[in-house]
Each structure stands twice: as structure tokens, then as C-alpha cells.
């Protein structure tokens, strides 16, 4: 006798897509293969000109809703999805990424442990689309947060960051954990939050950091997703990426009002400003790099870090001038 399938959980999945047709079926199949079924799958088509609609039409699952809108960017598509969600918990998956079969169950269980948990996220690996090779896991870039030592070898172990420390701990990460495709949010915690379309990739940074202010955050370093990395300028140009993430941090300023958050935020903003200067320099944008450097040097921060950034900036100068 076969084991009955569990009832769908009160989870809404938003799939924002622009010309994601070539990989969309992989993403949808990974959602439908979850050990804990989700209750709602929203595919928000941001003005695609490929076969996205045809791919979706092949699926007859009544949980899938297809919403087509004029192209306005993926941040705007995420906002349309948020307006249509019904679940107690909300998560996102881009069409070129996919989850392991237990992602939803794990995140759902973490959030279900305590109503004060606003967000949970997992580790993931990058897949190089050009070579088909796995490029290593993302938590290498989060040396600031680690699995508790006592749970080093325990299965399904996770860490929990209290609300009063969550924003400060995560904004300080070398690469701020703002990868929506491995995050699940409590609906009540993000009810008033929306993405700012003008920020590009920085919209995700701003959204995630605002969510971290709303409650406790749970994380696991177990790898529960594969994120595809494409060989295209929009995703790989370090100058472009650094500027957009910096813009997301700057836009957050009016929302950082708690005294305990101000210091870590200003420290991270100064570091991001100097890192952006170096990225711009390496990308051949010397003038913009020096301008970002001057702005960053004025912000609060350790003198040693500023000195080291100065050395890195001038070391990158010849590389930038050759472009």
C-alpha cells in the first residue's frame, strides 16, 4: 500500500521570469517534487518573448497560476507575486534555479518552530552553465555565520540568530545573504515590504535586510538548491554588480532606526563603498572608482581597513587603465 501524499503546506512560491523558458520546466519540476507539497505556485511572466507561456501550459496542476505583465523588471514581478500570495509562508525561485526535494520541508519546519522567526535560508551551490561544473557552496562567503560547534556533525542542524542581533550579524557578512531562491519568509513579517524596481539587483539586498529586522533568522549550511550562473555581463560584471548592491544598501538608510543596527549598518556601508570603488577600477571605470573611494573614505570605519582598501585600489589601477 503506497504512502499517502502529505497535504499541501500553506506555502506560496513566486517564480518571477523574463525569458526563462529554456530552464523553467526544471524549476517547476523541482517545486512539484518537494517532499512537502506547496499550496500555491505563482509564475509571474515579466513580458517574456520566448516560450515561457507554452512551458507553463504543459502543466495541469491546479496550484499553478500564470500571471503575465508588461516588462518592468524582476523586482516588479516579485511585487506582483507578493500581492497574489495566499500562503502563511512565502518563498521565491528563479526559473533557471532548482531546489533539492527537501528544501520546502526544511524551511517550513524551521519557521514552524517559533512564530518569532521571520526568515529561514539555506546554503546552495553554483552551477556554471557554460561548463556544467559545480563551483562550490555559497557559505564559503559567510565566514561570519557558522553552524554551532556542538552540532557540527548533526543531521539537519541549523543556527538561530535572535531578532536583536539578526540585522547586525547578517549585514556584516562578506556577501550579504540576499539570495531569494534559498529563503523562506513568514508572511506576517514581510506584509508591508516590497521590492524597489529602480535598484536592480540591489532590490533583493534591501528586501532581505528589511526582513532581517522583523524577527529571528534561522539558517542551515546544508546545500538545498542549485543556482545557475550564466556567462553574461549583467551577472558577471563586478563593477555593475557592486554598484547595484551598494545602491540597495544606501536605499536602506531611512529604515535603519534602531540604535543597535546603526553601527553595523554604517560599517557595512563604508566597506561596500570601498569595495565598489575597487570593482569599478578593475572594470575600467577609473573615474567612477575614485569617486566611490572618496565617498567611502569619509564614512566611519577602521583606519586599517581604509588603508588596505587604498592599497587594493591603487593595485587595481593599472588593470583598470588597460580596459
C-alpha atoms as a PDB file:
ATOM      1  CA  UNK A   1       0.000   0.000   0.000  1.00  0.00           C
ATOM      2  CA  UNK A   2       1.507   3.327  -1.063  1.00  0.00           C
ATOM      3  CA  UNK A   3       2.103   6.042   1.479  1.00  0.00           C
ATOM      4  CA  UNK A   4      -0.441   8.894   1.132  1.00  0.00           C
ATOM      5  CA  UNK A   5       0.984  12.183  -0.067  1.00  0.00           C
ATOM      6  CA  UNK A   6       1.030  14.901   2.634  1.00  0.00           C
ATOM      7  CA  UNK A   7      -1.450  17.728   2.323  1.00  0.00           C
ATOM      8  CA  UNK A   8      -0.063  20.887   0.688  1.00  0.00           C
ATOM      9  CA  UNK A   9       1.507  23.297   3.151  1.00  0.00           C
ATOM     10  CA  UNK A  10       0.460  26.923   3.383  1.00  0.00           C
ATOM     11  CA  UNK A  11       3.428  27.979   1.262  1.00  0.00           C
ATOM     12  CA  UNK A  12       3.295  30.293  -1.761  1.00  0.00           C
ATOM     13  CA  UNK A  13       6.116  30.093  -4.297  1.00  0.00           C
ATOM     14  CA  UNK A  14       6.745  33.092  -6.545  1.00  0.00           C
ATOM     15  CA  UNK A  15       8.595  32.389  -9.810  1.00  0.00           C
ATOM     16  CA  UNK A  16       9.485  35.754 -11.429  1.00  0.00           C
ATOM     17  CA  UNK A  17      10.553  35.159 -15.017  1.00  0.00           C
ATOM     18  CA  UNK A  18      11.714  37.104 -18.043  1.00  0.00           C
ATOM     19  CA  UNK A  19      12.582  34.824 -20.972  1.00  0.00           C
ATOM     20  CA  UNK A  20      13.206  31.974 -18.567  1.00  0.00           C
ATOM     21  CA  UNK A  21      11.553  29.402 -20.829  1.00  0.00           C
ATOM     22  CA  UNK A  22      14.668  27.279 -21.525  1.00  0.00           C
ATOM     23  CA  UNK A  23      15.044  26.319 -17.851  1.00  0.00           C
ATOM     24  CA  UNK A  24      11.568  26.944 -16.429  1.00  0.00           C
ATOM     25  CA  UNK A  25      10.487  23.314 -16.580  1.00  0.00           C
ATOM     26  CA  UNK A  26      13.457  22.293 -14.386  1.00  0.00           C
ATOM     27  CA  UNK A  27      12.451  24.863 -11.777  1.00  0.00           C
ATOM     28  CA  UNK A  28       8.776  23.849 -11.818  1.00  0.00           C
ATOM     29  CA  UNK A  29       9.637  20.147 -11.673  1.00  0.00           C
ATOM     30  CA  UNK A  30      11.791  20.808  -8.592  1.00  0.00           C
ATOM     31  CA  UNK A  31       8.883  22.618  -6.920  1.00  0.00           C
ATOM     32  CA  UNK A  32       6.432  19.837  -7.735  1.00  0.00           C
ATOM     33  CA  UNK A  33       8.893  17.184  -6.473  1.00  0.00           C
ATOM     34  CA  UNK A  34       9.105  18.620  -2.955  1.00  0.00           C
ATOM     35  CA  UNK A  35       8.710  16.180  -0.065  1.00  0.00           C
ATOM     36  CA  UNK A  36       6.273  18.697   1.437  1.00  0.00           C
ATOM     37  CA  UNK A  37       3.923  19.947  -1.304  1.00  0.00           C
ATOM     38  CA  UNK A  38       3.326  23.681  -1.558  1.00  0.00           C
ATOM     39  CA  UNK A  39      -0.130  25.206  -1.756  1.00  0.00           C
ATOM     40  CA  UNK A  40       0.402  27.863  -4.449  1.00  0.00           C
ATOM     41  CA  UNK A  41       2.826  28.387  -7.341  1.00  0.00           C
ATOM     42  CA  UNK A  42       2.746  31.827  -8.956  1.00  0.00           C
ATOM     43  CA  UNK A  43       4.614  32.238 -12.246  1.00  0.00           C
ATOM     44  CA  UNK A  44       4.889  35.959 -12.946  1.00  0.00           C
ATOM     45  CA  UNK A  45       5.891  36.447 -16.578  1.00  0.00           C
ATOM     46  CA  UNK A  46       7.657  39.791 -16.935  1.00  0.00           C
ATOM     47  CA  UNK A  47       6.930  40.424 -20.620  1.00  0.00           C
ATOM     48  CA  UNK A  48       8.767  37.361 -21.936  1.00  0.00           C
ATOM     49  CA  UNK A  49       9.232  36.972 -25.696  1.00  0.00           C
ATOM     50  CA  UNK A  50      10.244  33.297 -25.565  1.00  0.00           C
ATOM     51  CA  UNK A  51       8.250  30.107 -24.953  1.00  0.00           C
ATOM     52  CA  UNK A  52       7.520  30.739 -21.265  1.00  0.00           C
ATOM     53  CA  UNK A  53       3.729  30.601 -21.733  1.00  0.00           C
ATOM     54  CA  UNK A  54       3.970  27.341 -23.699  1.00  0.00           C
ATOM     55  CA  UNK A  55       6.110  25.728 -20.998  1.00  0.00           C
ATOM     56  CA  UNK A  56       3.618  26.680 -18.284  1.00  0.00           C
ATOM     57  CA  UNK A  57       0.686  25.439 -20.371  1.00  0.00           C
ATOM     58  CA  UNK A  58       2.106  21.897 -20.301  1.00  0.00           C
ATOM     59  CA  UNK A  59       1.463  21.731 -16.544  1.00  0.00           C
ATOM     60  CA  UNK A  60      -2.095  20.887 -15.471  1.00  0.00           C
ATOM     61  CA  UNK A  61      -1.543  21.235 -11.728  1.00  0.00           C
ATOM     62  CA  UNK A  62      -4.265  23.499 -10.322  1.00  0.00           C
ATOM     63  CA  UNK A  63      -1.834  25.029  -7.822  1.00  0.00           C
ATOM     64  CA  UNK A  64      -0.011  26.754 -10.691  1.00  0.00           C
ATOM     65  CA  UNK A  65      -1.151  30.276 -11.580  1.00  0.00           C
ATOM     66  CA  UNK A  66       0.264  32.100 -14.598  1.00  0.00           C
ATOM     67  CA  UNK A  67       0.325  35.901 -14.435  1.00  0.00           C
ATOM     68  CA  UNK A  68       1.573  37.835 -17.463  1.00  0.00           C
ATOM     69  CA  UNK A  69       2.528  41.517 -17.155  1.00  0.00           C
ATOM     70  CA  UNK A  70       4.369  44.129 -19.243  1.00  0.00           C
ATOM     71  CA  UNK A  71       8.136  44.024 -18.761  1.00  0.00           C
ATOM     72  CA  UNK A  72       9.214  46.135 -15.796  1.00  0.00           C
ATOM     73  CA  UNK A  73      11.996  44.080 -14.220  1.00  0.00           C
ATOM     74  CA  UNK A  74      12.075  41.093 -11.911  1.00  0.00           C
ATOM     75  CA  UNK A  75      11.689  43.238  -8.781  1.00  0.00           C
ATOM     76  CA  UNK A  76       8.353  44.494 -10.110  1.00  0.00           C
ATOM     77  CA  UNK A  77       7.407  40.907 -10.972  1.00  0.00           C
ATOM     78  CA  UNK A  78       8.156  39.867  -7.380  1.00  0.00           C
ATOM     79  CA  UNK A  79       5.831  42.615  -6.155  1.00  0.00           C
ATOM     80  CA  UNK A  80       3.017  41.356  -8.400  1.00  0.00           C
ATOM     81  CA  UNK A  81       3.576  37.900  -6.974  1.00  0.00           C
ATOM     82  CA  UNK A  82       3.509  39.163  -3.396  1.00  0.00           C
ATOM     83  CA  UNK A  83       0.125  40.793  -3.994  1.00  0.00           C
ATOM     84  CA  UNK A  84      -1.299  37.456  -5.189  1.00  0.00           C
ATOM     85  CA  UNK A  85       0.072  35.176  -2.461  1.00  0.00           C
ATOM     86  CA  UNK A  86      -2.218  33.366  -0.039  1.00  0.00           C
ATOM     87  CA  UNK A  87       0.229  31.243   1.961  1.00  0.00           C
ATOM     88  CA  UNK A  88       1.352  31.713   5.533  1.00  0.00           C
ATOM     89  CA  UNK A  89       4.923  31.372   4.246  1.00  0.00           C
ATOM     90  CA  UNK A  90       6.385  32.855   1.060  1.00  0.00           C
ATOM     91  CA  UNK A  91       9.403  31.852  -0.981  1.00  0.00           C
ATOM     92  CA  UNK A  92      10.880  32.600  -4.404  1.00  0.00           C
ATOM     93  CA  UNK A  93      12.534  30.537  -7.134  1.00  0.00           C
ATOM     94  CA  UNK A  94      14.043  31.927 -10.322  1.00  0.00           C
ATOM     95  CA  UNK A  95      13.329  29.878 -13.470  1.00  0.00           C
ATOM     96  CA  UNK A  96      16.958  28.901 -14.029  1.00  0.00           C
ATOM     97  CA  UNK A  97      17.486  27.534 -10.492  1.00  0.00           C
ATOM     98  CA  UNK A  98      16.170  24.445  -8.740  1.00  0.00           C
ATOM     99  CA  UNK A  99      15.618  23.134  -5.233  1.00  0.00           C
ATOM    100  CA  UNK A 100      16.570  19.843  -3.640  1.00  0.00           C
ATOM    101  CA  UNK A 101      13.466  17.755  -2.766  1.00  0.00           C
ATOM    102  CA  UNK A 102      13.552  18.698   0.930  1.00  0.00           C
ATOM    103  CA  UNK A 103      14.031  22.479   0.645  1.00  0.00           C
ATOM    104  CA  UNK A 104      10.418  23.463   1.371  1.00  0.00           C
ATOM    105  CA  UNK A 105      10.016  20.918   4.169  1.00  0.00           C
ATOM    106  CA  UNK A 106      13.190  22.059   5.909  1.00  0.00           C
ATOM    107  CA  UNK A 107      12.427  25.778   5.674  1.00  0.00           C
ATOM    108  CA  UNK A 108       8.787  25.216   6.656  1.00  0.00           C
ATOM    109  CA  UNK A 109       9.825  23.197   9.717  1.00  0.00           C
ATOM    110  CA  UNK A 110      12.270  25.883  10.847  1.00  0.00           C
ATOM    111  CA  UNK A 111       9.692  28.658  10.553  1.00  0.00           C
ATOM    112  CA  UNK A 112       7.109  26.486  12.280  1.00  0.00           C
ATOM    113  CA  UNK A 113       9.302  26.119  15.382  1.00  0.00           C
ATOM    114  CA  UNK A 114       8.635  29.638  16.648  1.00  0.00           C
ATOM    115  CA  UNK A 115       6.244  32.394  15.467  1.00  0.00           C
ATOM    116  CA  UNK A 116       9.027  34.895  16.173  1.00  0.00           C
ATOM    117  CA  UNK A 117      11.146  33.565  13.274  1.00  0.00           C
ATOM    118  CA  UNK A 118      10.816  35.913  10.298  1.00  0.00           C
ATOM    119  CA  UNK A 119      13.041  34.165   7.794  1.00  0.00           C
ATOM    120  CA  UNK A 120      14.974  30.960   7.127  1.00  0.00           C
ATOM    121  CA  UNK A 121      17.598  30.329   4.479  1.00  0.00           C
ATOM    122  CA  UNK A 122      19.909  27.556   3.319  1.00  0.00           C
ATOM    123  CA  UNK A 123      23.219  27.017   1.600  1.00  0.00           C
ATOM    124  CA  UNK A 124      23.415  26.369  -2.154  1.00  0.00           C
ATOM    125  CA  UNK A 125      25.890  25.557  -4.906  1.00  0.00           C
ATOM    126  CA  UNK A 126      26.559  27.498  -8.105  1.00  0.00           C
ATOM    127  CA  UNK A 127      26.289  25.689 -11.436  1.00  0.00           C
ATOM    128  CA  UNK A 128      28.418  27.116 -14.245  1.00  0.00           C
ATOM    129  CA  UNK A 129      26.091  26.999 -17.248  1.00  0.00           C
ATOM    130  CA  UNK A 130      28.962  27.147 -19.747  1.00  0.00           C
ATOM    131  CA  UNK A 131      30.899  24.164 -18.359  1.00  0.00           C
ATOM    132  CA  UNK A 132      28.252  22.247 -16.394  1.00  0.00           C
ATOM    133  CA  UNK A 133      30.560  22.216 -13.366  1.00  0.00           C
ATOM    134  CA  UNK A 134      29.565  22.896  -9.759  1.00  0.00           C
ATOM    135  CA  UNK A 135      31.511  25.892  -8.442  1.00  0.00           C
ATOM    136  CA  UNK A 136      31.355  25.397  -4.689  1.00  0.00           C
ATOM    137  CA  UNK A 137      28.916  26.307  -1.970  1.00  0.00           C
ATOM    138  CA  UNK A 138      27.779  29.808  -1.028  1.00  0.00           C
ATOM    139  CA  UNK A 139      28.503  29.576   2.701  1.00  0.00           C
ATOM    140  CA  UNK A 140      32.207  29.923   1.927  1.00  0.00           C
ATOM    141  CA  UNK A 141      31.352  33.618   1.565  1.00  0.00           C
ATOM    142  CA  UNK A 142      29.668  33.747   5.001  1.00  0.00           C
ATOM    143  CA  UNK A 143      32.589  33.157   7.390  1.00  0.00           C
ATOM    144  CA  UNK A 144      30.797  35.357   9.927  1.00  0.00           C
ATOM    145  CA  UNK A 145      27.973  32.834  10.488  1.00  0.00           C
ATOM    146  CA  UNK A 146      28.647  29.188  11.239  1.00  0.00           C
ATOM    147  CA  UNK A 147      26.825  26.083  12.372  1.00  0.00           C
ATOM    148  CA  UNK A 148      27.051  25.754  16.184  1.00  0.00           C
ATOM    149  CA  UNK A 149      30.161  23.717  17.055  1.00  0.00           C
ATOM    150  CA  UNK A 150      28.171  21.244  19.161  1.00  0.00           C
ATOM    151  CA  UNK A 151      26.015  20.437  16.110  1.00  0.00           C
ATOM    152  CA  UNK A 152      28.913  20.120  13.688  1.00  0.00           C
ATOM    153  CA  UNK A 153      28.049  16.577  12.586  1.00  0.00           C
ATOM    154  CA  UNK A 154      24.349  16.520  13.437  1.00  0.00           C
ATOM    155  CA  UNK A 155      21.904  15.978  10.542  1.00  0.00           C
ATOM    156  CA  UNK A 156      19.536  18.863   9.742  1.00  0.00           C
ATOM    157  CA  UNK A 157      21.376  21.128  12.197  1.00  0.00           C
ATOM    158  CA  UNK A 158      20.796  24.854  11.959  1.00  0.00           C
ATOM    159  CA  UNK A 159      21.700  28.122  13.600  1.00  0.00           C
ATOM    160  CA  UNK A 160      19.334  30.703  15.032  1.00  0.00           C
ATOM    161  CA  UNK A 161      20.056  34.429  15.272  1.00  0.00           C
ATOM    162  CA  UNK A 162      17.934  36.416  17.786  1.00  0.00           C
ATOM    163  CA  UNK A 163      15.956  39.362  16.455  1.00  0.00           C
ATOM    164  CA  UNK A 164      18.091  41.939  18.248  1.00  0.00           C
ATOM    165  CA  UNK A 165      21.226  40.590  16.540  1.00  0.00           C
ATOM    166  CA  UNK A 166      19.934  39.344  13.183  1.00  0.00           C
ATOM    167  CA  UNK A 167      20.314  42.517  11.120  1.00  0.00           C
ATOM    168  CA  UNK A 168      23.720  43.399  12.578  1.00  0.00           C
ATOM    169  CA  UNK A 169      25.090  39.871  12.099  1.00  0.00           C
ATOM    170  CA  UNK A 170      23.884  39.446   8.520  1.00  0.00           C
ATOM    171  CA  UNK A 171      24.612  42.927   7.190  1.00  0.00           C
ATOM    172  CA  UNK A 172      28.216  42.319   8.264  1.00  0.00           C
ATOM    173  CA  UNK A 173      28.605  39.206   6.096  1.00  0.00           C
ATOM    174  CA  UNK A 174      31.209  39.358   3.348  1.00  0.00           C
ATOM    175  CA  UNK A 175      28.406  38.619   0.877  1.00  0.00           C
ATOM    176  CA  UNK A 176      25.067  39.634   2.395  1.00  0.00           C
ATOM    177  CA  UNK A 177      22.680  36.611   2.367  1.00  0.00           C
ATOM    178  CA  UNK A 178      20.098  38.026  -0.049  1.00  0.00           C
ATOM    179  CA  UNK A 179      19.586  35.077  -2.395  1.00  0.00           C
ATOM    180  CA  UNK A 180      15.802  34.854  -2.538  1.00  0.00           C
ATOM    181  CA  UNK A 181      15.808  31.394  -4.136  1.00  0.00           C
ATOM    182  CA  UNK A 182      17.017  29.816  -0.872  1.00  0.00           C
ATOM    183  CA  UNK A 183      14.958  31.937   1.527  1.00  0.00           C
ATOM    184  CA  UNK A 184      11.517  31.453   3.031  1.00  0.00           C
ATOM    185  CA  UNK A 185       9.684  34.257   4.821  1.00  0.00           C
ATOM    186  CA  UNK A 186       6.831  34.373   7.290  1.00  0.00           C
ATOM    187  CA  UNK A 187       4.075  36.287   5.540  1.00  0.00           C
ATOM    188  CA  UNK A 188       3.222  38.405   8.585  1.00  0.00           C
ATOM    189  CA  UNK A 189       6.875  39.529   8.867  1.00  0.00           C
ATOM    190  CA  UNK A 190       7.078  40.898   5.300  1.00  0.00           C
ATOM    191  CA  UNK A 191       3.473  42.037   4.888  1.00  0.00           C
ATOM    192  CA  UNK A 192       4.494  45.675   4.466  1.00  0.00           C
ATOM    193  CA  UNK A 193       7.689  45.091   2.472  1.00  0.00           C
ATOM    194  CA  UNK A 194       8.059  45.425  -1.274  1.00  0.00           C
ATOM    195  CA  UNK A 195      10.923  45.422  -3.789  1.00  0.00           C
ATOM    196  CA  UNK A 196      12.195  48.717  -5.236  1.00  0.00           C
ATOM    197  CA  UNK A 197      12.430  48.154  -9.029  1.00  0.00           C
ATOM    198  CA  UNK A 198      14.829  51.066  -9.597  1.00  0.00           C
ATOM    199  CA  UNK A 199      17.552  49.295  -7.580  1.00  0.00           C
ATOM    200  CA  UNK A 200      18.124  46.385  -9.975  1.00  0.00           C
ATOM    201  CA  UNK A 201      19.882  43.546  -8.127  1.00  0.00           C
ATOM    202  CA  UNK A 202      20.128  45.836  -5.097  1.00  0.00           C
ATOM    203  CA  UNK A 203      16.376  45.397  -4.571  1.00  0.00           C
ATOM    204  CA  UNK A 204      16.994  41.894  -3.209  1.00  0.00           C
ATOM    205  CA  UNK A 205      19.622  43.207  -0.778  1.00  0.00           C
ATOM    206  CA  UNK A 206      17.280  45.864   0.551  1.00  0.00           C
ATOM    207  CA  UNK A 207      14.320  43.479   0.836  1.00  0.00           C
ATOM    208  CA  UNK A 208      16.284  40.766   2.666  1.00  0.00           C
ATOM    209  CA  UNK A 209      17.876  43.181   5.118  1.00  0.00           C
ATOM    210  CA  UNK A 210      14.498  44.713   5.942  1.00  0.00           C
ATOM    211  CA  UNK A 211      13.144  41.215   6.568  1.00  0.00           C
ATOM    212  CA  UNK A 212      16.060  40.508   8.927  1.00  0.00           C
ATOM    213  CA  UNK A 213      14.832  43.397  11.099  1.00  0.00           C
ATOM    214  CA  UNK A 214      11.421  41.781  11.583  1.00  0.00           C
ATOM    215  CA  UNK A 215      12.302  38.778  13.743  1.00  0.00           C
ATOM    216  CA  UNK A 216      14.647  35.880  14.365  1.00  0.00           C
ATOM    217  CA  UNK A 217      16.528  34.357  11.418  1.00  0.00           C
ATOM    218  CA  UNK A 218      17.324  30.659  11.030  1.00  0.00           C
ATOM    219  CA  UNK A 219      19.955  29.292   8.639  1.00  0.00           C
ATOM    220  CA  UNK A 220      21.411  25.941   7.686  1.00  0.00           C
ATOM    221  CA  UNK A 221      24.672  25.295   5.879  1.00  0.00           C
ATOM    222  CA  UNK A 222      23.172  22.192   4.251  1.00  0.00           C
ATOM    223  CA  UNK A 223      23.058  22.585   0.461  1.00  0.00           C
ATOM    224  CA  UNK A 224      19.391  22.642  -0.588  1.00  0.00           C
ATOM    225  CA  UNK A 225      19.483  24.331  -4.008  1.00  0.00           C
ATOM    226  CA  UNK A 226      21.411  24.728  -7.248  1.00  0.00           C
ATOM    227  CA  UNK A 227      21.775  28.275  -8.586  1.00  0.00           C
ATOM    228  CA  UNK A 228      22.755  28.565 -12.234  1.00  0.00           C
ATOM    229  CA  UNK A 229      25.466  31.072 -13.156  1.00  0.00           C
ATOM    230  CA  UNK A 230      25.307  32.362 -16.719  1.00  0.00           C
ATOM    231  CA  UNK A 231      28.175  33.782 -18.765  1.00  0.00           C
ATOM    232  CA  UNK A 232      26.648  37.204 -19.304  1.00  0.00           C
ATOM    233  CA  UNK A 233      27.744  40.739 -18.477  1.00  0.00           C
ATOM    234  CA  UNK A 234      24.754  41.512 -16.256  1.00  0.00           C
ATOM    235  CA  UNK A 235      25.642  38.768 -13.789  1.00  0.00           C
ATOM    236  CA  UNK A 236      29.432  38.729 -14.001  1.00  0.00           C
ATOM    237  CA  UNK A 237      30.491  42.372 -14.400  1.00  0.00           C
ATOM    238  CA  UNK A 238      31.883  43.048 -10.904  1.00  0.00           C
ATOM    239  CA  UNK A 239      31.509  46.814 -11.234  1.00  0.00           C
ATOM    240  CA  UNK A 240      27.855  46.630 -12.221  1.00  0.00           C
ATOM    241  CA  UNK A 241      27.019  44.096  -9.518  1.00  0.00           C
ATOM    242  CA  UNK A 242      28.846  46.034  -6.774  1.00  0.00           C
ATOM    243  CA  UNK A 243      27.134  49.315  -7.692  1.00  0.00           C
ATOM    244  CA  UNK A 244      23.651  47.766  -7.619  1.00  0.00           C
ATOM    245  CA  UNK A 245      24.232  46.117  -4.255  1.00  0.00           C
ATOM    246  CA  UNK A 246      25.645  49.363  -2.881  1.00  0.00           C
ATOM    247  CA  UNK A 247      22.537  51.178  -4.097  1.00  0.00           C
ATOM    248  CA  UNK A 248      20.422  48.642  -2.205  1.00  0.00           C
ATOM    249  CA  UNK A 249      22.368  49.344   0.983  1.00  0.00           C
ATOM    250  CA  UNK A 250      22.090  53.111   0.549  1.00  0.00           C
ATOM    251  CA  UNK A 251      18.322  52.914  -0.011  1.00  0.00           C
ATOM    252  CA  UNK A 252      18.006  51.102   3.305  1.00  0.00           C
ATOM    253  CA  UNK A 253      19.218  54.121   5.315  1.00  0.00           C
ATOM    254  CA  UNK A 254      15.769  55.554   6.257  1.00  0.00           C
ATOM    255  CA  UNK A 255      14.738  52.162   7.648  1.00  0.00           C
ATOM    256  CA  UNK A 256      17.751  51.653   9.924  1.00  0.00           C
ATOM    257  CA  UNK A 257      16.409  53.391  13.018  1.00  0.00           C
ATOM    258  CA  UNK A 258      17.232  51.060  15.920  1.00  0.00           C
ATOM    259  CA  UNK A 259      20.358  52.177  17.749  1.00  0.00           C
ATOM    260  CA  UNK A 260      21.839  48.670  17.787  1.00  0.00           C
ATOM    261  CA  UNK A 261      21.580  48.471  13.990  1.00  0.00           C
ATOM    262  CA  UNK A 262      23.084  51.850  13.092  1.00  0.00           C
ATOM    263  CA  UNK A 263      26.721  50.982  13.849  1.00  0.00           C
ATOM    264  CA  UNK A 264      26.834  47.694  11.870  1.00  0.00           C
ATOM    265  CA  UNK A 265      24.953  49.343   9.002  1.00  0.00           C
ATOM    266  CA  UNK A 266      27.354  52.293   8.705  1.00  0.00           C
ATOM    267  CA  UNK A 267      30.349  49.977   8.975  1.00  0.00           C
ATOM    268  CA  UNK A 268      28.980  47.760   6.177  1.00  0.00           C
ATOM    269  CA  UNK A 269      28.078  50.758   4.029  1.00  0.00           C
ATOM    270  CA  UNK A 270      31.618  52.102   4.277  1.00  0.00           C
ATOM    271  CA  UNK A 271      33.080  48.713   3.395  1.00  0.00           C
ATOM    272  CA  UNK A 272      30.700  48.313   0.472  1.00  0.00           C
ATOM    273  CA  UNK A 273      31.578  51.776  -0.814  1.00  0.00           C
ATOM    274  CA  UNK A 274      35.305  50.972  -0.843  1.00  0.00           C
ATOM    275  CA  UNK A 275      34.728  47.511  -2.349  1.00  0.00           C
ATOM    276  CA  UNK A 276      32.640  49.131  -5.087  1.00  0.00           C
ATOM    277  CA  UNK A 277      35.445  51.587  -5.815  1.00  0.00           C
ATOM    278  CA  UNK A 278      37.872  48.689  -6.341  1.00  0.00           C
ATOM    279  CA  UNK A 279      35.370  46.761  -8.501  1.00  0.00           C
ATOM    280  CA  UNK A 280      34.799  49.830 -10.679  1.00  0.00           C
ATOM    281  CA  UNK A 281      38.525  50.343 -11.028  1.00  0.00           C
ATOM    282  CA  UNK A 282      39.022  46.734 -12.138  1.00  0.00           C
ATOM    283  CA  UNK A 283      36.179  47.141 -14.631  1.00  0.00           C
ATOM    284  CA  UNK A 284      37.983  50.052 -16.276  1.00  0.00           C
ATOM    285  CA  UNK A 285      35.823  52.799 -14.756  1.00  0.00           C
ATOM    286  CA  UNK A 286      38.662  54.676 -13.068  1.00  0.00           C
ATOM    287  CA  UNK A 287      36.850  57.984 -12.600  1.00  0.00           C
ATOM    288  CA  UNK A 288      33.789  56.360 -11.041  1.00  0.00           C
ATOM    289  CA  UNK A 289      36.101  54.215  -8.916  1.00  0.00           C
ATOM    290  CA  UNK A 290      37.934  57.203  -7.450  1.00  0.00           C
ATOM    291  CA  UNK A 291      34.634  58.963  -6.806  1.00  0.00           C
ATOM    292  CA  UNK A 292      33.269  55.945  -4.911  1.00  0.00           C
ATOM    293  CA  UNK A 293      36.553  55.692  -2.998  1.00  0.00           C
ATOM    294  CA  UNK A 294      36.350  59.319  -1.802  1.00  0.00           C
ATOM    295  CA  UNK A 295      32.785  58.814  -0.602  1.00  0.00           C
ATOM    296  CA  UNK A 296      33.686  55.593   1.185  1.00  0.00           C
ATOM    297  CA  UNK A 297      36.758  57.034   2.865  1.00  0.00           C
ATOM    298  CA  UNK A 298      34.612  59.684   4.548  1.00  0.00           C
ATOM    299  CA  UNK A 299      32.352  57.095   6.187  1.00  0.00           C
ATOM    300  CA  UNK A 300      33.085  55.625   9.648  1.00  0.00           C
ATOM    301  CA  UNK A 301      35.310  52.572   9.692  1.00  0.00           C
ATOM    302  CA  UNK A 302      38.614  51.169  10.946  1.00  0.00           C
ATOM    303  CA  UNK A 303      41.667  53.039   9.695  1.00  0.00           C
ATOM    304  CA  UNK A 304      43.449  49.776   8.886  1.00  0.00           C
ATOM    305  CA  UNK A 305      40.641  48.675   6.597  1.00  0.00           C
ATOM    306  CA  UNK A 306      40.710  52.005   4.800  1.00  0.00           C
ATOM    307  CA  UNK A 307      44.473  51.776   4.380  1.00  0.00           C
ATOM    308  CA  UNK A 308      44.191  48.257   2.987  1.00  0.00           C
ATOM    309  CA  UNK A 309      41.444  49.397   0.608  1.00  0.00           C
ATOM    310  CA  UNK A 310      43.667  52.237  -0.585  1.00  0.00           C
ATOM    311  CA  UNK A 311      46.426  49.757  -1.414  1.00  0.00           C
ATOM    312  CA  UNK A 312      43.979  47.497  -3.254  1.00  0.00           C
ATOM    313  CA  UNK A 313      42.573  50.453  -5.193  1.00  0.00           C
ATOM    314  CA  UNK A 314      45.952  51.548  -6.486  1.00  0.00           C
ATOM    315  CA  UNK A 315      46.943  47.957  -7.195  1.00  0.00           C
ATOM    316  CA  UNK A 316      43.857  47.731  -9.433  1.00  0.00           C
ATOM    317  CA  UNK A 317      44.632  50.997 -11.227  1.00  0.00           C
ATOM    318  CA  UNK A 318      46.876  49.543 -13.970  1.00  0.00           C
ATOM    319  CA  UNK A 319      44.315  46.807 -14.671  1.00  0.00           C
ATOM    320  CA  UNK A 320      41.546  49.389 -14.997  1.00  0.00           C
ATOM    321  CA  UNK A 321      43.535  51.710 -17.246  1.00  0.00           C
ATOM    322  CA  UNK A 322      44.187  48.865 -19.695  1.00  0.00           C
ATOM    323  CA  UNK A 323      40.473  48.368 -20.317  1.00  0.00           C
END
